[in-house]
């Protein structure tokens, strides 16, 4: 089971992930800011063409239908803002995760170097002890 995870982690191109993380975080923050600004006023000024079903409605029915549509639009805007906040949060968590993985990778490289030094010292000590014992 652990071998599968290790294989999966080795297959991931971590250099590419680390390079892409700042761009992803920047894009998510830009998306979050755009959704917080609200809708585009230019799109609101253009009236929608009347539909054939809406032409025969009375004023009360049209008003009720508009109220329902406005409520749906408000719910959609709230969902969009919540999704943007979630994406922003995930992007920042991803950036922190990539930083942590990068730090662990550097630490692992340092441990490999230290292990090589200890191995060379151990072999040297064994050779020295064998030479002294003769």
C-alpha atoms as a PDB file:
ATOM      1  CA  UNK A   1       0.000   0.000   0.000  1.00  0.00           C
ATOM      2  CA  UNK A   2       2.768   2.445   0.922  1.00  0.00           C
ATOM      3  CA  UNK A   3       4.681   1.482  -2.210  1.00  0.00           C
ATOM      4  CA  UNK A   4       1.743   2.681  -4.335  1.00  0.00           C
ATOM      5  CA  UNK A   5       1.748   6.073  -2.631  1.00  0.00           C
ATOM      6  CA  UNK A   6       5.504   6.411  -2.975  1.00  0.00           C
ATOM      7  CA  UNK A   7       5.300   5.535  -6.658  1.00  0.00           C
ATOM      8  CA  UNK A   8       2.513   8.062  -7.162  1.00  0.00           C
ATOM      9  CA  UNK A   9       4.503  10.763  -5.387  1.00  0.00           C
ATOM     10  CA  UNK A  10       7.589  10.023  -7.485  1.00  0.00           C
ATOM     11  CA  UNK A  11       5.605  10.251 -10.730  1.00  0.00           C
ATOM     12  CA  UNK A  12       4.298  13.764  -9.966  1.00  0.00           C
ATOM     13  CA  UNK A  13       6.472  16.417 -11.657  1.00  0.00           C
ATOM     14  CA  UNK A  14       7.046  18.485  -8.519  1.00  0.00           C
ATOM     15  CA  UNK A  15       9.139  21.071 -10.332  1.00  0.00           C
ATOM     16  CA  UNK A  16       6.194  21.818 -12.633  1.00  0.00           C
ATOM     17  CA  UNK A  17       3.780  21.921  -9.692  1.00  0.00           C
ATOM     18  CA  UNK A  18       6.028  24.337  -7.811  1.00  0.00           C
ATOM     19  CA  UNK A  19       6.414  26.550 -10.882  1.00  0.00           C
ATOM     20  CA  UNK A  20       2.661  26.634 -11.518  1.00  0.00           C
ATOM     21  CA  UNK A  21       1.573  27.318  -7.925  1.00  0.00           C
ATOM     22  CA  UNK A  22       2.156  31.111  -7.868  1.00  0.00           C
ATOM     23  CA  UNK A  23       0.290  31.538 -11.159  1.00  0.00           C
ATOM     24  CA  UNK A  24      -2.588  29.457  -9.876  1.00  0.00           C
ATOM     25  CA  UNK A  25      -2.776  31.455  -6.662  1.00  0.00           C
ATOM     26  CA  UNK A  26      -2.647  34.733  -8.610  1.00  0.00           C
ATOM     27  CA  UNK A  27      -5.404  33.582 -10.983  1.00  0.00           C
ATOM     28  CA  UNK A  28      -7.608  32.447  -8.114  1.00  0.00           C
ATOM     29  CA  UNK A  29      -7.163  35.771  -6.321  1.00  0.00           C
ATOM     30  CA  UNK A  30      -8.021  37.650  -9.532  1.00  0.00           C
ATOM     31  CA  UNK A  31     -11.119  35.493  -9.999  1.00  0.00           C
ATOM     32  CA  UNK A  32     -12.109  36.091  -6.387  1.00  0.00           C
ATOM     33  CA  UNK A  33     -11.712  39.875  -6.784  1.00  0.00           C
ATOM     34  CA  UNK A  34     -13.748  39.907 -10.015  1.00  0.00           C
ATOM     35  CA  UNK A  35     -16.610  38.027  -8.388  1.00  0.00           C
ATOM     36  CA  UNK A  36     -16.581  40.322  -5.362  1.00  0.00           C
ATOM     37  CA  UNK A  37     -16.980  43.391  -7.606  1.00  0.00           C
ATOM     38  CA  UNK A  38     -20.391  42.192  -8.712  1.00  0.00           C
ATOM     39  CA  UNK A  39     -21.929  41.956 -12.132  1.00  0.00           C
ATOM     40  CA  UNK A  40     -20.989  44.020 -15.155  1.00  0.00           C
ATOM     41  CA  UNK A  41     -23.176  47.183 -15.378  1.00  0.00           C
ATOM     42  CA  UNK A  42     -23.010  47.129 -19.175  1.00  0.00           C
ATOM     43  CA  UNK A  43     -24.813  43.791 -19.288  1.00  0.00           C
ATOM     44  CA  UNK A  44     -27.556  45.052 -16.954  1.00  0.00           C
ATOM     45  CA  UNK A  45     -28.367  48.092 -19.099  1.00  0.00           C
ATOM     46  CA  UNK A  46     -29.286  46.041 -22.165  1.00  0.00           C
ATOM     47  CA  UNK A  47     -32.926  44.952 -21.872  1.00  0.00           C
ATOM     48  CA  UNK A  48     -33.713  41.353 -22.656  1.00  0.00           C
ATOM     49  CA  UNK A  49     -35.945  40.755 -25.674  1.00  0.00           C
ATOM     50  CA  UNK A  50     -39.473  39.747 -24.722  1.00  0.00           C
ATOM     51  CA  UNK A  51     -40.256  36.076 -24.944  1.00  0.00           C
ATOM     52  CA  UNK A  52     -43.436  34.735 -26.439  1.00  0.00           C
ATOM     53  CA  UNK A  53     -44.539  33.182 -23.116  1.00  0.00           C
ATOM     54  CA  UNK A  54     -44.044  36.460 -21.229  1.00  0.00           C
ATOM     55  CA  UNK A  55     -45.995  38.620 -23.717  1.00  0.00           C
ATOM     56  CA  UNK A  56     -49.392  37.309 -22.612  1.00  0.00           C
ATOM     57  CA  UNK A  57     -48.796  37.716 -18.853  1.00  0.00           C
ATOM     58  CA  UNK A  58     -50.674  40.187 -16.733  1.00  0.00           C
ATOM     59  CA  UNK A  59     -48.809  42.846 -14.785  1.00  0.00           C
ATOM     60  CA  UNK A  60     -49.175  40.950 -11.481  1.00  0.00           C
ATOM     61  CA  UNK A  61     -47.908  37.720 -13.021  1.00  0.00           C
ATOM     62  CA  UNK A  62     -44.971  39.507 -14.655  1.00  0.00           C
ATOM     63  CA  UNK A  63     -44.097  41.216 -11.364  1.00  0.00           C
ATOM     64  CA  UNK A  64     -44.237  37.893  -9.526  1.00  0.00           C
ATOM     65  CA  UNK A  65     -42.089  36.233 -12.184  1.00  0.00           C
ATOM     66  CA  UNK A  66     -39.533  39.062 -11.990  1.00  0.00           C
ATOM     67  CA  UNK A  67     -39.372  38.701  -8.197  1.00  0.00           C
ATOM     68  CA  UNK A  68     -38.720  34.962  -8.514  1.00  0.00           C
ATOM     69  CA  UNK A  69     -36.035  35.557 -11.123  1.00  0.00           C
ATOM     70  CA  UNK A  70     -34.374  38.232  -8.966  1.00  0.00           C
ATOM     71  CA  UNK A  71     -34.314  35.829  -6.009  1.00  0.00           C
ATOM     72  CA  UNK A  72     -32.707  33.150  -8.187  1.00  0.00           C
ATOM     73  CA  UNK A  73     -30.170  35.665  -9.454  1.00  0.00           C
ATOM     74  CA  UNK A  74     -29.293  36.670  -5.893  1.00  0.00           C
ATOM     75  CA  UNK A  75     -28.841  33.001  -4.933  1.00  0.00           C
ATOM     76  CA  UNK A  76     -26.634  32.447  -7.969  1.00  0.00           C
ATOM     77  CA  UNK A  77     -24.496  35.468  -7.071  1.00  0.00           C
ATOM     78  CA  UNK A  78     -24.119  34.191  -3.489  1.00  0.00           C
ATOM     79  CA  UNK A  79     -23.116  30.753  -4.743  1.00  0.00           C
ATOM     80  CA  UNK A  80     -20.628  32.284  -7.139  1.00  0.00           C
ATOM     81  CA  UNK A  81     -19.052  34.343  -4.357  1.00  0.00           C
ATOM     82  CA  UNK A  82     -18.896  31.286  -2.101  1.00  0.00           C
ATOM     83  CA  UNK A  83     -17.269  29.277  -4.893  1.00  0.00           C
ATOM     84  CA  UNK A  84     -14.762  32.059  -5.536  1.00  0.00           C
ATOM     85  CA  UNK A  85     -13.908  32.219  -1.829  1.00  0.00           C
ATOM     86  CA  UNK A  86     -13.450  28.449  -1.790  1.00  0.00           C
ATOM     87  CA  UNK A  87     -11.194  28.576  -4.852  1.00  0.00           C
ATOM     88  CA  UNK A  88      -9.146  31.349  -3.259  1.00  0.00           C
ATOM     89  CA  UNK A  89      -8.809  29.331  -0.069  1.00  0.00           C
ATOM     90  CA  UNK A  90      -7.819  26.199  -1.981  1.00  0.00           C
ATOM     91  CA  UNK A  91      -5.270  28.125  -4.036  1.00  0.00           C
ATOM     92  CA  UNK A  92      -3.629  29.564  -0.930  1.00  0.00           C
ATOM     93  CA  UNK A  93      -3.602  26.134   0.712  1.00  0.00           C
ATOM     94  CA  UNK A  94      -2.064  24.686  -2.450  1.00  0.00           C
ATOM     95  CA  UNK A  95       0.628  27.369  -2.426  1.00  0.00           C
ATOM     96  CA  UNK A  96       1.441  26.593   1.216  1.00  0.00           C
ATOM     97  CA  UNK A  97       1.492  22.871   0.431  1.00  0.00           C
ATOM     98  CA  UNK A  98       3.885  23.388  -2.456  1.00  0.00           C
ATOM     99  CA  UNK A  99       6.149  25.509  -0.237  1.00  0.00           C
ATOM    100  CA  UNK A 100       6.132  22.767   2.394  1.00  0.00           C
ATOM    101  CA  UNK A 101       6.920  20.082  -0.185  1.00  0.00           C
ATOM    102  CA  UNK A 102       9.749  22.214  -1.539  1.00  0.00           C
ATOM    103  CA  UNK A 103      11.164  22.670   1.966  1.00  0.00           C
ATOM    104  CA  UNK A 104      10.912  18.924   2.604  1.00  0.00           C
ATOM    105  CA  UNK A 105      12.644  18.214  -0.699  1.00  0.00           C
ATOM    106  CA  UNK A 106      15.540  20.508   0.245  1.00  0.00           C
ATOM    107  CA  UNK A 107      15.714  18.894   3.675  1.00  0.00           C
ATOM    108  CA  UNK A 108      15.761  15.442   2.070  1.00  0.00           C
ATOM    109  CA  UNK A 109      18.627  16.485  -0.213  1.00  0.00           C
ATOM    110  CA  UNK A 110      20.560  17.701   2.830  1.00  0.00           C
ATOM    111  CA  UNK A 111      19.937  14.411   4.619  1.00  0.00           C
ATOM    112  CA  UNK A 112      21.191  12.489   1.584  1.00  0.00           C
ATOM    113  CA  UNK A 113      24.414  14.494   1.612  1.00  0.00           C
ATOM    114  CA  UNK A 114      24.803  13.959   5.363  1.00  0.00           C
ATOM    115  CA  UNK A 115      24.198  10.225   4.943  1.00  0.00           C
ATOM    116  CA  UNK A 116      26.862  10.031   2.229  1.00  0.00           C
ATOM    117  CA  UNK A 117      29.340  11.852   4.483  1.00  0.00           C
ATOM    118  CA  UNK A 118      28.573   9.494   7.391  1.00  0.00           C
ATOM    119  CA  UNK A 119      28.927   6.460   5.089  1.00  0.00           C
ATOM    120  CA  UNK A 120      32.300   7.668   3.804  1.00  0.00           C
ATOM    121  CA  UNK A 121      33.464   8.330   7.370  1.00  0.00           C
ATOM    122  CA  UNK A 122      32.277   4.882   8.482  1.00  0.00           C
ATOM    123  CA  UNK A 123      34.077   3.149   5.614  1.00  0.00           C
ATOM    124  CA  UNK A 124      37.186   5.232   6.303  1.00  0.00           C
ATOM    125  CA  UNK A 125      37.046   4.333   9.978  1.00  0.00           C
ATOM    126  CA  UNK A 126      36.697   0.623   9.167  1.00  0.00           C
ATOM    127  CA  UNK A 127      39.649   0.789   6.785  1.00  0.00           C
ATOM    128  CA  UNK A 128      41.717   2.617   9.406  1.00  0.00           C
ATOM    129  CA  UNK A 129      40.774   0.112  12.110  1.00  0.00           C
ATOM    130  CA  UNK A 130      41.704  -2.776   9.798  1.00  0.00           C
ATOM    131  CA  UNK A 131      45.084  -1.147   9.065  1.00  0.00           C
ATOM    132  CA  UNK A 132      45.788  -0.518  12.767  1.00  0.00           C
ATOM    133  CA  UNK A 133      44.829  -4.086  13.723  1.00  0.00           C
ATOM    134  CA  UNK A 134      47.497  -5.582  11.410  1.00  0.00           C
END
